[in-house]
Every structure is written in structure tokens, then in C-alpha cells.
Amino acid sequence: MLYCAPRRERTKLVYSMYSRMSADTVKGNLMTLGVDFFVLEDSWCTRRTRPGCSMPEIWDIEDSQNVGKVPLCTHMSRSSRPHFTTVFSNDIYKVLKVSKDLR
């Protein structure tokens, strides 16, 4: 069953890929929303215009229990398995397919 949350909440769930949450948690969020593919832009994970302004650092304010962990987007840049499958990759972004197994 798809989750029909308000737009802001849905957006937050999608952007959780740039948090420090577990891959299981983020995959579950995406599956709840009915997401099949995710475009992971590497610069969103690493770009930092000034201290505290990278996506993972912004997430630290929202999700303080995971502060200090490696951001999920960093893990996904290296290897998307087993939660996702990389179906396309270039120097700017990756397209990840959400694995539909019951993990």
C-alpha cells in the first residue's frame, strides 16, 4: 500500500538518502512511497558551501541520533547493493533501482 503523506513529509522521506540513517530505513521509506528508482547526485552528498550546509549536516539537525555515522549517500556512491541496484552511473549522478525484496 502506498503512503499518501503531505508533500513536505514525502520530500523529507526521499531526501533521507542524504542522511545518516540505515539503508534499511531509507529503503523502507522509499518503498512505502512506491518509489522504483532514485537519482543519487554525488555533489548533494559532498558539496559544502560553508560549515553546516551539506545535506548530511542539515540532516544531523533533524536526526540527531545518527550524528557521527557515515552518510548513506556515501555508502551508496561506493556500492548500492543489496538494497539498491545501480542501473546507470556517470560522473555526476547514479540512478538506483530500489530492490523489491523483503529486506
Protein backbone atom coordinates (compact mmCIF):
# COMPACT_ATOMS: atom_id res chain seq x y z
CA MET A 1 0.00 0.00 0.00
CA LEU A 2 1.36 3.41 -0.95
CA TYR A 3 1.69 6.06 1.71
CA CYS A 4 -0.06 9.30 0.78
CA ALA A 5 1.68 11.80 3.05
CA PRO A 6 1.70 15.58 2.69
CA ARG A 7 4.21 16.84 0.12
CA ARG A 8 6.68 18.14 2.69
CA GLU A 9 6.77 14.80 4.51
CA ARG A 10 7.18 12.86 1.23
CA THR A 11 10.04 15.13 0.19
CA LYS A 12 11.73 14.62 3.54
CA LEU A 13 11.45 10.84 3.18
CA VAL A 14 13.02 10.97 -0.29
CA TYR A 15 15.85 13.22 0.87
CA SER A 16 16.62 10.82 3.72
CA MET A 17 19.03 9.18 1.24
CA TYR A 18 21.36 12.07 2.18
CA SER A 19 21.00 11.40 5.91
CA ARG A 20 22.98 9.05 8.11
CA MET A 21 20.06 6.65 8.53
CA SER A 22 20.47 2.97 7.73
CA ALA A 23 19.91 1.72 4.19
CA ASP A 24 17.10 -0.49 5.53
CA THR A 25 15.28 2.55 6.93
CA VAL A 26 15.65 4.66 3.80
CA LYS A 27 14.72 1.77 1.51
CA GLY A 28 11.62 1.17 3.62
CA ASN A 29 10.70 4.86 3.33
CA LEU A 30 11.09 4.76 -0.45
CA MET A 31 9.13 1.51 -0.79
CA THR A 32 6.30 2.98 1.30
CA LEU A 33 6.15 5.88 -1.17
CA GLY A 34 6.12 3.48 -4.12
CA VAL A 35 9.49 4.66 -5.44
CA ASP A 36 11.08 2.39 -8.05
CA PHE A 37 14.15 4.49 -8.92
CA PHE A 38 16.22 7.10 -7.09
CA VAL A 39 18.60 9.61 -8.69
CA LEU A 40 21.57 9.99 -6.36
CA GLU A 41 23.57 13.12 -7.11
CA ASP A 42 27.01 12.78 -5.57
CA SER A 43 27.54 16.51 -5.12
CA TRP A 44 24.49 16.73 -2.86
CA CYS A 45 26.28 14.36 -0.55
CA THR A 46 29.65 16.09 -0.62
CA ARG A 47 29.04 19.75 -1.53
CA ARG A 48 29.52 22.11 1.38
CA THR A 49 29.23 25.82 0.68
CA ARG A 50 30.07 26.56 4.31
CA PRO A 51 30.24 24.58 7.57
CA GLY A 52 26.92 23.01 8.48
CA CYS A 53 25.40 23.34 4.99
CA SER A 54 25.95 19.93 3.40
CA MET A 55 22.89 17.71 3.13
CA PRO A 56 24.21 15.23 5.72
CA GLU A 57 24.95 18.10 8.14
CA ILE A 58 21.48 19.53 7.64
CA TRP A 59 20.07 16.08 8.37
CA ASP A 60 22.08 15.98 11.61
CA ILE A 61 19.80 18.69 13.00
CA GLU A 62 16.70 16.65 12.15
CA ASP A 63 18.10 13.22 13.03
CA SER A 64 20.49 13.71 15.96
CA GLN A 65 20.52 10.02 16.90
CA ASN A 66 22.63 9.22 13.81
CA VAL A 67 25.15 12.08 14.06
CA GLY A 68 28.70 10.81 13.53
CA LYS A 69 27.75 7.93 11.23
CA VAL A 70 28.83 7.85 7.60
CA PRO A 71 26.09 9.35 5.39
CA LEU A 72 24.07 6.77 3.46
CA CYS A 73 24.76 8.64 0.21
CA THR A 74 28.49 7.99 0.74
CA HIS A 75 27.83 4.27 1.08
CA MET A 76 25.57 4.32 -1.99
CA SER A 77 28.25 6.10 -4.03
CA ARG A 78 30.61 3.19 -3.33
CA SER A 79 28.19 0.27 -3.52
CA SER A 80 24.42 0.29 -3.74
CA ARG A 81 23.96 -3.42 -3.01
CA PRO A 82 21.97 -5.13 -1.55
CA HIS A 83 19.25 -2.52 -1.02
CA PHE A 84 19.55 -0.86 -4.41
CA THR A 85 20.90 -1.72 -7.85
CA THR A 86 22.85 0.85 -9.87
CA VAL A 87 21.25 0.94 -13.33
CA PHE A 88 23.12 4.00 -14.64
CA SER A 89 26.12 5.97 -13.48
CA ASN A 90 28.20 8.88 -14.73
CA ASP A 91 30.48 11.47 -13.10
CA ILE A 92 27.53 13.46 -11.76
CA TYR A 93 24.86 11.03 -10.61
CA LYS A 94 23.71 7.43 -10.29
CA VAL A 95 20.29 6.01 -10.96
CA LEU A 96 19.49 3.43 -8.31
CA LYS A 97 16.70 0.87 -8.61
CA VAL A 98 15.01 0.06 -5.31
CA SER A 99 15.33 -3.70 -4.73
CA LYS A 100 11.85 -5.02 -4.04
CA ASP A 101 12.93 -7.90 -1.83
CA LEU A 102 11.54 -8.01 1.69
CA ARG A 103 14.69 -6.84 3.49
